[in-house]
Amino acid sequence: MLELGQLFAPLVSGFLLIAFIFISALAVIYTAYDYRRLFNQHQALVRQSDELRIEWGQLLLEQSAWGANNRVEVLAEQRLGMKMPKANEIRLAIDE
């Protein structure tokens, strides 16, 4: 006659095997979900980085336009009434 341990040992082993397979399947599903979530987040950050790079380039162009020598000269003439001195109006200050 079979003992009780000999009867239930295959059942317990089979149950444990099925439980481990199920847990492993859940881990694979979670890992795939997490990978997709992180990949989407990465893509959003790459898009944001590209947009910021474009904006930075536009700001650099704007800065160079606002600081251009001819623009400063025109504003000095118009708003402050400044003008380039003639050659005979230039005085040289020498510090001795």
PDB file of N, CA and C in Angstrom:
ATOM      1  N   MET A   1       0.837  -1.170   0.000  1.00  0.00           N
ATOM      2  CA  MET A   1       0.000   0.000   0.000  1.00  0.00           C
ATOM      3  C   MET A   1       0.890   1.244   0.000  1.00  0.00           C
ATOM      4  N   LEU A   2       0.459   2.299  -0.695  1.00  0.00           N
ATOM      5  CA  LEU A   2       1.221   3.545  -0.801  1.00  0.00           C
ATOM      6  C   LEU A   2       1.039   4.370   0.461  1.00  0.00           C
ATOM      7  N   GLU A   3       2.104   4.976   0.852  1.00  0.00           N
ATOM      8  CA  GLU A   3       2.025   5.872   2.004  1.00  0.00           C
ATOM      9  C   GLU A   3       1.467   7.214   1.532  1.00  0.00           C
ATOM     10  N   LEU A   4       1.025   8.005   2.484  1.00  0.00           N
ATOM     11  CA  LEU A   4       0.427   9.298   2.180  1.00  0.00           C
ATOM     12  C   LEU A   4       1.465  10.248   1.579  1.00  0.00           C
ATOM     13  N   GLY A   5       2.722  10.219   2.067  1.00  0.00           N
ATOM     14  CA  GLY A   5       3.801  11.076   1.561  1.00  0.00           C
ATOM     15  C   GLY A   5       4.125  10.752   0.123  1.00  0.00           C
ATOM     16  N   GLN A   6       4.083   9.461  -0.228  1.00  0.00           N
ATOM     17  CA  GLN A   6       4.379   9.064  -1.601  1.00  0.00           C
ATOM     18  C   GLN A   6       3.258   9.490  -2.547  1.00  0.00           C
ATOM     19  N   LEU A   7       2.071   9.611  -2.028  1.00  0.00           N
ATOM     20  CA  LEU A   7       0.930   9.990  -2.852  1.00  0.00           C
ATOM     21  C   LEU A   7       0.914  11.501  -3.124  1.00  0.00           C
ATOM     22  N   PHE A   8       1.230  12.289  -2.101  1.00  0.00           N
ATOM     23  CA  PHE A   8       1.149  13.741  -2.245  1.00  0.00           C
ATOM     24  C   PHE A   8       2.441  14.394  -2.762  1.00  0.00           C
ATOM     25  N   ALA A   9       3.557  13.716  -2.714  1.00  0.00           N
ATOM     26  CA  ALA A   9       4.830  14.292  -3.164  1.00  0.00           C
ATOM     27  C   ALA A   9       4.764  14.728  -4.632  1.00  0.00           C
ATOM     28  N   PRO A  10       4.270  13.939  -5.554  1.00  0.00           N
ATOM     29  CA  PRO A  10       4.175  14.408  -6.947  1.00  0.00           C
ATOM     30  C   PRO A  10       3.206  15.576  -7.096  1.00  0.00           C
ATOM     31  N   LEU A  11       2.133  15.559  -6.306  1.00  0.00           N
ATOM     32  CA  LEU A  11       1.166  16.658  -6.378  1.00  0.00           C
ATOM     33  C   LEU A  11       1.790  17.974  -5.899  1.00  0.00           C
ATOM     34  N   VAL A  12       2.526  17.920  -4.805  1.00  0.00           N
ATOM     35  CA  VAL A  12       3.172  19.113  -4.260  1.00  0.00           C
ATOM     36  C   VAL A  12       4.243  19.611  -5.234  1.00  0.00           C
ATOM     37  N   SER A  13       5.030  18.684  -5.792  1.00  0.00           N
ATOM     38  CA  SER A  13       6.048  19.085  -6.761  1.00  0.00           C
ATOM     39  C   SER A  13       5.391  19.715  -7.985  1.00  0.00           C
ATOM     40  N   GLY A  14       4.332  19.142  -8.466  1.00  0.00           N
ATOM     41  CA  GLY A  14       3.623  19.693  -9.629  1.00  0.00           C
ATOM     42  C   GLY A  14       3.036  21.063  -9.312  1.00  0.00           C
ATOM     43  N   PHE A  15       2.453  21.208  -8.127  1.00  0.00           N
ATOM     44  CA  PHE A  15       1.891  22.495  -7.731  1.00  0.00           C
ATOM     45  C   PHE A  15       2.979  23.566  -7.638  1.00  0.00           C
ATOM     46  N   LEU A  16       4.118  23.215  -7.020  1.00  0.00           N
ATOM     47  CA  LEU A  16       5.221  24.164  -6.909  1.00  0.00           C
ATOM     48  C   LEU A  16       5.762  24.540  -8.289  1.00  0.00           C
ATOM     49  N   LEU A  17       5.858  23.563  -9.184  1.00  0.00           N
ATOM     50  CA  LEU A  17       6.330  23.831 -10.536  1.00  0.00           C
ATOM     51  C   LEU A  17       5.382  24.777 -11.267  1.00  0.00           C
ATOM     52  N   ILE A  18       4.106  24.552 -11.162  1.00  0.00           N
ATOM     53  CA  ILE A  18       3.108  25.426 -11.799  1.00  0.00           C
ATOM     54  C   ILE A  18       3.156  26.825 -11.178  1.00  0.00           C
ATOM     55  N   ALA A  19       3.310  26.899  -9.860  1.00  0.00           N
ATOM     56  CA  ALA A  19       3.391  28.199  -9.180  1.00  0.00           C
ATOM     57  C   ALA A  19       4.621  28.966  -9.653  1.00  0.00           C
ATOM     58  N   PHE A  20       5.767  28.309  -9.772  1.00  0.00           N
ATOM     59  CA  PHE A  20       6.979  28.985 -10.243  1.00  0.00           C
ATOM     60  C   PHE A  20       6.841  29.440 -11.694  1.00  0.00           C
ATOM     61  N   ILE A  21       6.213  28.630 -12.523  1.00  0.00           N
ATOM     62  CA  ILE A  21       5.993  29.017 -13.921  1.00  0.00           C
ATOM     63  C   ILE A  21       5.074  30.235 -13.989  1.00  0.00           C
ATOM     64  N   PHE A  22       4.027  30.251 -13.180  1.00  0.00           N
ATOM     65  CA  PHE A  22       3.093  31.366 -13.138  1.00  0.00           C
ATOM     66  C   PHE A  22       3.794  32.653 -12.669  1.00  0.00           C
ATOM     67  N   ILE A  23       4.591  32.545 -11.624  1.00  0.00           N
ATOM     68  CA  ILE A  23       5.329  33.709 -11.106  1.00  0.00           C
ATOM     69  C   ILE A  23       6.324  34.205 -12.149  1.00  0.00           C
ATOM     70  N   SER A  24       6.968  33.268 -12.835  1.00  0.00           N
ATOM     71  CA  SER A  24       7.914  33.648 -13.887  1.00  0.00           C
ATOM     72  C   SER A  24       7.187  34.362 -15.027  1.00  0.00           C
ATOM     73  N   ALA A  25       6.013  33.884 -15.401  1.00  0.00           N
ATOM     74  CA  ALA A  25       5.241  34.524 -16.468  1.00  0.00           C
ATOM     75  C   ALA A  25       4.827  35.937 -16.057  1.00  0.00           C
ATOM     76  N   LEU A  26       4.404  36.102 -14.813  1.00  0.00           N
ATOM     77  CA  LEU A  26       4.052  37.438 -14.329  1.00  0.00           C
ATOM     78  C   LEU A  26       5.252  38.372 -14.339  1.00  0.00           C
ATOM     79  N   ALA A  27       6.418  37.850 -13.993  1.00  0.00           N
ATOM     80  CA  ALA A  27       7.633  38.664 -14.012  1.00  0.00           C
ATOM     81  C   ALA A  27       7.965  39.099 -15.438  1.00  0.00           C
ATOM     82  N   VAL A  28       7.792  38.212 -16.412  1.00  0.00           N
ATOM     83  CA  VAL A  28       8.049  38.559 -17.813  1.00  0.00           C
ATOM     84  C   VAL A  28       7.071  39.638 -18.275  1.00  0.00           C
ATOM     85  N   ILE A  29       5.806  39.503 -17.914  1.00  0.00           N
ATOM     86  CA  ILE A  29       4.791  40.494 -18.293  1.00  0.00           C
ATOM     87  C   ILE A  29       5.127  41.852 -17.680  1.00  0.00           C
ATOM     88  N   TYR A  30       5.470  41.872 -16.402  1.00  0.00           N
ATOM     89  CA  TYR A  30       5.793  43.123 -15.730  1.00  0.00           C
ATOM     90  C   TYR A  30       7.045  43.761 -16.337  1.00  0.00           C
ATOM     91  N   THR A  31       8.044  42.956 -16.650  1.00  0.00           N
ATOM     92  CA  THR A  31       9.278  43.483 -17.236  1.00  0.00           C
ATOM     93  C   THR A  31       9.002  44.095 -18.606  1.00  0.00           C
ATOM     94  N   ALA A  32       8.188  43.446 -19.420  1.00  0.00           N
ATOM     95  CA  ALA A  32       7.844  43.981 -20.743  1.00  0.00           C
ATOM     96  C   ALA A  32       7.071  45.285 -20.599  1.00  0.00           C
ATOM     97  N   TYR A  33       6.124  45.330 -19.659  1.00  0.00           N
ATOM     98  CA  TYR A  33       5.350  46.555 -19.421  1.00  0.00           C
ATOM     99  C   TYR A  33       6.274  47.690 -18.964  1.00  0.00           C
ATOM    100  N   ASP A  34       7.162  47.386 -18.037  1.00  0.00           N
ATOM    101  CA  ASP A  34       8.071  48.397 -17.510  1.00  0.00           C
ATOM    102  C   ASP A  34       9.019  48.899 -18.599  1.00  0.00           C
ATOM    103  N   TYR A  35       9.495  48.006 -19.456  1.00  0.00           N
ATOM    104  CA  TYR A  35      10.363  48.399 -20.568  1.00  0.00           C
ATOM    105  C   TYR A  35       9.628  49.365 -21.504  1.00  0.00           C
ATOM    106  N   ARG A  36       8.393  49.038 -21.853  1.00  0.00           N
ATOM    107  CA  ARG A  36       7.630  49.908 -22.754  1.00  0.00           C
ATOM    108  C   ARG A  36       7.371  51.266 -22.121  1.00  0.00           C
ATOM    109  N   ARG A  37       7.048  51.274 -20.827  1.00  0.00           N
ATOM    110  CA  ARG A  37       6.798  52.530 -20.119  1.00  0.00           C
ATOM    111  C   ARG A  37       8.062  53.402 -20.114  1.00  0.00           C
ATOM    112  N   LEU A  38       9.187  52.799 -19.792  1.00  0.00           N
ATOM    113  CA  LEU A  38      10.449  53.542 -19.753  1.00  0.00           C
ATOM    114  C   LEU A  38      10.873  54.007 -21.148  1.00  0.00           C
ATOM    115  N   PHE A  39      10.619  53.177 -22.161  1.00  0.00           N
ATOM    116  CA  PHE A  39      10.957  53.562 -23.530  1.00  0.00           C
ATOM    117  C   PHE A  39      10.129  54.766 -23.973  1.00  0.00           C
ATOM    118  N   ASN A  40       8.828  54.759 -23.657  1.00  0.00           N
ATOM    119  CA  ASN A  40       7.971  55.905 -23.997  1.00  0.00           C
ATOM    120  C   ASN A  40       8.437  57.161 -23.264  1.00  0.00           C
ATOM    121  N   GLN A  41       8.814  57.016 -22.014  1.00  0.00           N
ATOM    122  CA  GLN A  41       9.324  58.151 -21.246  1.00  0.00           C
ATOM    123  C   GLN A  41      10.624  58.674 -21.869  1.00  0.00           C
ATOM    124  N   HIS A  42      11.484  57.767 -22.284  1.00  0.00           N
ATOM    125  CA  HIS A  42      12.746  58.158 -22.935  1.00  0.00           C
ATOM    126  C   HIS A  42      12.467  58.918 -24.227  1.00  0.00           C
ATOM    127  N   GLN A  43      11.527  58.431 -25.032  1.00  0.00           N
ATOM    128  CA  GLN A  43      11.194  59.107 -26.286  1.00  0.00           C
ATOM    129  C   GLN A  43      10.651  60.508 -26.034  1.00  0.00           C
ATOM    130  N   ALA A  44       9.833  60.670 -24.999  1.00  0.00           N
ATOM    131  CA  ALA A  44       9.303  61.993 -24.658  1.00  0.00           C
ATOM    132  C   ALA A  44      10.443  62.930 -24.252  1.00  0.00           C
ATOM    133  N   LEU A  45      11.395  62.426 -23.497  1.00  0.00           N
ATOM    134  CA  LEU A  45      12.528  63.252 -23.087  1.00  0.00           C
ATOM    135  C   LEU A  45      13.421  63.613 -24.269  1.00  0.00           C
ATOM    136  N   VAL A  46      13.569  62.701 -25.222  1.00  0.00           N
ATOM    137  CA  VAL A  46      14.362  62.992 -26.428  1.00  0.00           C
ATOM    138  C   VAL A  46      13.677  64.093 -27.237  1.00  0.00           C
ATOM    139  N   ARG A  47      12.343  64.008 -27.375  1.00  0.00           N
ATOM    140  CA  ARG A  47      11.602  65.050 -28.090  1.00  0.00           C
ATOM    141  C   ARG A  47      11.766  66.402 -27.394  1.00  0.00           C
ATOM    142  N   GLN A  48      11.648  66.395 -26.062  1.00  0.00           N
ATOM    143  CA  GLN A  48      11.804  67.629 -25.298  1.00  0.00           C
ATOM    144  C   GLN A  48      13.218  68.193 -25.469  1.00  0.00           C
ATOM    145  N   SER A  49      14.212  67.321 -25.466  1.00  0.00           N
ATOM    146  CA  SER A  49      15.596  67.761 -25.669  1.00  0.00           C
ATOM    147  C   SER A  49      15.771  68.398 -27.038  1.00  0.00           C
ATOM    148  N   ASP A  50      15.186  67.794 -28.055  1.00  0.00           N
ATOM    149  CA  ASP A  50      15.273  68.357 -29.407  1.00  0.00           C
ATOM    150  C   ASP A  50      14.616  69.732 -29.471  1.00  0.00           C
ATOM    151  N   GLU A  51      13.441  69.858 -28.844  1.00  0.00           N
ATOM    152  CA  GLU A  51      12.739  71.144 -28.838  1.00  0.00           C
ATOM    153  C   GLU A  51      13.562  72.211 -28.117  1.00  0.00           C
ATOM    154  N   LEU A  52      14.178  71.829 -27.011  1.00  0.00           N
ATOM    155  CA  LEU A  52      14.994  72.786 -26.269  1.00  0.00           C
ATOM    156  C   LEU A  52      16.242  73.188 -27.055  1.00  0.00           C
ATOM    157  N   ARG A  53      16.830  72.246 -27.791  1.00  0.00           N
ATOM    158  CA  ARG A  53      17.986  72.569 -28.632  1.00  0.00           C
ATOM    159  C   ARG A  53      17.613  73.559 -29.732  1.00  0.00           C
ATOM    160  N   ILE A  54      16.451  73.349 -30.330  1.00  0.00           N
ATOM    161  CA  ILE A  54      15.979  74.263 -31.373  1.00  0.00           C
ATOM    162  C   ILE A  54      15.747  75.653 -30.787  1.00  0.00           C
ATOM    163  N   GLU A  55      15.094  75.695 -29.619  1.00  0.00           N
ATOM    164  CA  GLU A  55      14.842  76.985 -28.970  1.00  0.00           C
ATOM    165  C   GLU A  55      16.157  77.680 -28.604  1.00  0.00           C
ATOM    166  N   TRP A  56      17.132  76.916 -28.136  1.00  0.00           N
ATOM    167  CA  TRP A  56      18.434  77.487 -27.789  1.00  0.00           C
ATOM    168  C   TRP A  56      19.107  78.106 -29.026  1.00  0.00           C
ATOM    169  N   GLY A  57      19.042  77.418 -30.150  1.00  0.00           N
ATOM    170  CA  GLY A  57      19.604  77.952 -31.389  1.00  0.00           C
ATOM    171  C   GLY A  57      18.910  79.242 -31.804  1.00  0.00           C
ATOM    172  N   GLN A  58      17.587  79.278 -31.658  1.00  0.00           N
ATOM    173  CA  GLN A  58      16.845  80.489 -32.004  1.00  0.00           C
ATOM    174  C   GLN A  58      17.224  81.643 -31.074  1.00  0.00           C
ATOM    175  N   LEU A  59      17.393  81.349 -29.800  1.00  0.00           N
ATOM    176  CA  LEU A  59      17.786  82.391 -28.851  1.00  0.00           C
ATOM    177  C   LEU A  59      19.192  82.920 -29.147  1.00  0.00           C
ATOM    178  N   LEU A  60      20.097  82.032 -29.552  1.00  0.00           N
ATOM    179  CA  LEU A  60      21.443  82.486 -29.921  1.00  0.00           C
ATOM    180  C   LEU A  60      21.402  83.401 -31.139  1.00  0.00           C
ATOM    181  N   LEU A  61      20.560  83.050 -32.118  1.00  0.00           N
ATOM    182  CA  LEU A  61      20.408  83.913 -33.293  1.00  0.00           C
ATOM    183  C   LEU A  61      19.831  85.266 -32.904  1.00  0.00           C
ATOM    184  N   GLU A  62      18.833  85.246 -32.033  1.00  0.00           N
ATOM    185  CA  GLU A  62      18.221  86.493 -31.587  1.00  0.00           C
ATOM    186  C   GLU A  62      19.234  87.353 -30.819  1.00  0.00           C
ATOM    187  N   GLN A  63      20.030  86.715 -29.978  1.00  0.00           N
ATOM    188  CA  GLN A  63      21.044  87.446 -29.218  1.00  0.00           C
ATOM    189  C   GLN A  63      22.054  88.099 -30.155  1.00  0.00           C
ATOM    190  N   SER A  64      22.479  87.368 -31.165  1.00  0.00           N
ATOM    191  CA  SER A  64      23.449  87.954 -32.101  1.00  0.00           C
ATOM    192  C   SER A  64      22.819  89.090 -32.894  1.00  0.00           C
ATOM    193  N   ALA A  65      21.524  89.001 -33.199  1.00  0.00           N
ATOM    194  CA  ALA A  65      20.853  90.080 -33.929  1.00  0.00           C
ATOM    195  C   ALA A  65      20.731  91.331 -33.056  1.00  0.00           C
ATOM    196  N   TRP A  66      20.375  91.154 -31.773  1.00  0.00           N
ATOM    197  CA  TRP A  66      20.223  92.300 -30.876  1.00  0.00           C
ATOM    198  C   TRP A  66      21.564  92.959 -30.571  1.00  0.00           C
ATOM    199  N   GLY A  67      22.622  92.221 -30.587  1.00  0.00           N
ATOM    200  CA  GLY A  67      23.930  92.775 -30.243  1.00  0.00           C
ATOM    201  C   GLY A  67      24.787  93.139 -31.434  1.00  0.00           C
ATOM    202  N   ALA A  68      24.210  93.122 -32.625  1.00  0.00           N
ATOM    203  CA  ALA A  68      24.985  93.432 -33.826  1.00  0.00           C
ATOM    204  C   ALA A  68      25.490  94.873 -33.761  1.00  0.00           C
ATOM    205  N   ASN A  69      26.699  95.092 -34.242  1.00  0.00           N
ATOM    206  CA  ASN A  69      27.330  96.415 -34.157  1.00  0.00           C
ATOM    207  C   ASN A  69      26.522  97.499 -34.862  1.00  0.00           C
ATOM    208  N   ASN A  70      26.024  97.191 -36.058  1.00  0.00           N
ATOM    209  CA  ASN A  70      25.278  98.214 -36.791  1.00  0.00           C
ATOM    210  C   ASN A  70      23.983  98.591 -36.070  1.00  0.00           C
ATOM    211  N   ARG A  71      23.347  97.651 -35.406  1.00  0.00           N
ATOM    212  CA  ARG A  71      22.118  97.961 -34.653  1.00  0.00           C
ATOM    213  C   ARG A  71      22.433  98.868 -33.476  1.00  0.00           C
ATOM    214  N   VAL A  72      23.506  98.579 -32.762  1.00  0.00           N
ATOM    215  CA  VAL A  72      23.912  99.418 -31.628  1.00  0.00           C
ATOM    216  C   VAL A  72      24.243 100.821 -32.113  1.00  0.00           C
ATOM    217  N   GLU A  73      24.914 100.914 -33.246  1.00  0.00           N
ATOM    218  CA  GLU A  73      25.272 102.218 -33.796  1.00  0.00           C
ATOM    219  C   GLU A  73      24.027 103.017 -34.169  1.00  0.00           C
ATOM    220  N   VAL A  74      23.066 102.377 -34.817  1.00  0.00           N
ATOM    221  CA  VAL A  74      21.829 103.062 -35.211  1.00  0.00           C
ATOM    222  C   VAL A  74      21.062 103.529 -33.979  1.00  0.00           C
ATOM    223  N   LEU A  75      20.953 102.705 -32.965  1.00  0.00           N
ATOM    224  CA  LEU A  75      20.249 103.089 -31.743  1.00  0.00           C
ATOM    225  C   LEU A  75      20.965 104.237 -31.025  1.00  0.00           C
ATOM    226  N   ALA A  76      22.289 104.212 -31.023  1.00  0.00           N
ATOM    227  CA  ALA A  76      23.046 105.301 -30.386  1.00  0.00           C
ATOM    228  C   ALA A  76      22.797 106.608 -31.116  1.00  0.00           C
ATOM    229  N   GLU A  77      22.727 106.570 -32.434  1.00  0.00           N
ATOM    230  CA  GLU A  77      22.442 107.785 -33.199  1.00  0.00           C
ATOM    231  C   GLU A  77      21.019 108.267 -32.974  1.00  0.00           C
ATOM    232  N   GLN A  78      20.047 107.361 -33.015  1.00  0.00           N
ATOM    233  CA  GLN A  78      18.635 107.749 -32.931  1.00  0.00           C
ATOM    234  C   GLN A  78      18.227 108.148 -31.519  1.00  0.00           C
ATOM    235  N   ARG A  79      18.500 107.329 -30.543  1.00  0.00           N
ATOM    236  CA  ARG A  79      17.997 107.565 -29.183  1.00  0.00           C
ATOM    237  C   ARG A  79      18.873 108.504 -28.370  1.00  0.00           C
ATOM    238  N   LEU A  80      20.177 108.423 -28.557  1.00  0.00           N
ATOM    239  CA  LEU A  80      21.082 109.205 -27.722  1.00  0.00           C
ATOM    240  C   LEU A  80      21.721 110.377 -28.454  1.00  0.00           C
ATOM    241  N   GLY A  81      21.467 110.477 -29.726  1.00  0.00           N
ATOM    242  CA  GLY A  81      22.032 111.576 -30.500  1.00  0.00           C
ATOM    243  C   GLY A  81      23.544 111.489 -30.654  1.00  0.00           C
ATOM    244  N   MET A  82      24.093 110.305 -30.549  1.00  0.00           N
ATOM    245  CA  MET A  82      25.540 110.126 -30.673  1.00  0.00           C
ATOM    246  C   MET A  82      25.916 110.008 -32.143  1.00  0.00           C
ATOM    247  N   LYS A  83      27.144 110.370 -32.457  1.00  0.00           N
ATOM    248  CA  LYS A  83      27.632 110.242 -33.833  1.00  0.00           C
ATOM    249  C   LYS A  83      29.114 109.925 -33.794  1.00  0.00           C
ATOM    250  N   MET A  84      29.610 109.409 -34.886  1.00  0.00           N
ATOM    251  CA  MET A  84      31.041 109.128 -34.999  1.00  0.00           C
ATOM    252  C   MET A  84      31.777 110.454 -35.115  1.00  0.00           C
ATOM    253  N   PRO A  85      32.818 110.678 -34.333  1.00  0.00           N
ATOM    254  CA  PRO A  85      33.558 111.948 -34.445  1.00  0.00           C
ATOM    255  C   PRO A  85      34.398 111.978 -35.724  1.00  0.00           C
ATOM    256  N   LYS A  86      34.597 113.182 -36.200  1.00  0.00           N
ATOM    257  CA  LYS A  86      35.451 113.354 -37.386  1.00  0.00           C
ATOM    258  C   LYS A  86      36.901 113.229 -36.938  1.00  0.00           C
ATOM    259  N   ALA A  87      37.788 113.069 -37.878  1.00  0.00           N
ATOM    260  CA  ALA A  87      39.201 112.841 -37.559  1.00  0.00           C
ATOM    261  C   ALA A  87      39.803 114.007 -36.789  1.00  0.00           C
ATOM    262  N   ASN A  88      39.406 115.248 -37.127  1.00  0.00           N
ATOM    263  CA  ASN A  88      39.982 116.392 -36.430  1.00  0.00           C
ATOM    264  C   ASN A  88      39.364 116.593 -35.040  1.00  0.00           C
ATOM    265  N   GLU A  89      38.258 115.915 -34.721  1.00  0.00           N
ATOM    266  CA  GLU A  89      37.604 116.025 -33.414  1.00  0.00           C
ATOM    267  C   GLU A  89      38.145 115.008 -32.421  1.00  0.00           C
ATOM    268  N   ILE A  90      38.955 114.096 -32.857  1.00  0.00           N
ATOM    269  CA  ILE A  90      39.470 113.042 -31.986  1.00  0.00           C
ATOM    270  C   ILE A  90      40.658 113.570 -31.197  1.00  0.00           C
ATOM    271  N   ARG A  91      40.618 113.418 -29.887  1.00  0.00           N
ATOM    272  CA  ARG A  91      41.712 113.810 -29.003  1.00  0.00           C
ATOM    273  C   ARG A  91      42.248 112.548 -28.335  1.00  0.00           C
ATOM    274  N   LEU A  92      43.528 112.452 -28.267  1.00  0.00           N
ATOM    275  CA  LEU A  92      44.186 111.297 -27.680  1.00  0.00           C
ATOM    276  C   LEU A  92      44.605 111.645 -26.259  1.00  0.00           C
ATOM    277  N   ALA A  93      44.171 110.853 -25.287  1.00  0.00           N
ATOM    278  CA  ALA A  93      44.543 111.078 -23.896  1.00  0.00           C
ATOM    279  C   ALA A  93      45.654 110.103 -23.548  1.00  0.00           C
ATOM    280  N   ILE A  94      46.798 110.634 -23.143  1.00  0.00           N
ATOM    281  CA  ILE A  94      47.941 109.797 -22.813  1.00  0.00           C
ATOM    282  C   ILE A  94      48.162 109.900 -21.306  1.00  0.00           C
ATOM    283  N   ASP A  95      48.209 108.784 -20.671  1.00  0.00           N
ATOM    284  CA  ASP A  95      48.436 108.752 -19.220  1.00  0.00           C
ATOM    285  C   ASP A  95      49.936 108.592 -18.971  1.00  0.00           C
ATOM    286  N   GLU A  96      50.504 109.603 -18.337  1.00  0.00           N
ATOM    287  CA  GLU A  96      51.956 109.534 -18.091  1.00  0.00           C
ATOM    288  C   GLU A  96      52.234 109.374 -16.624  1.00  0.00           C
TER     289      GLU A  96
END
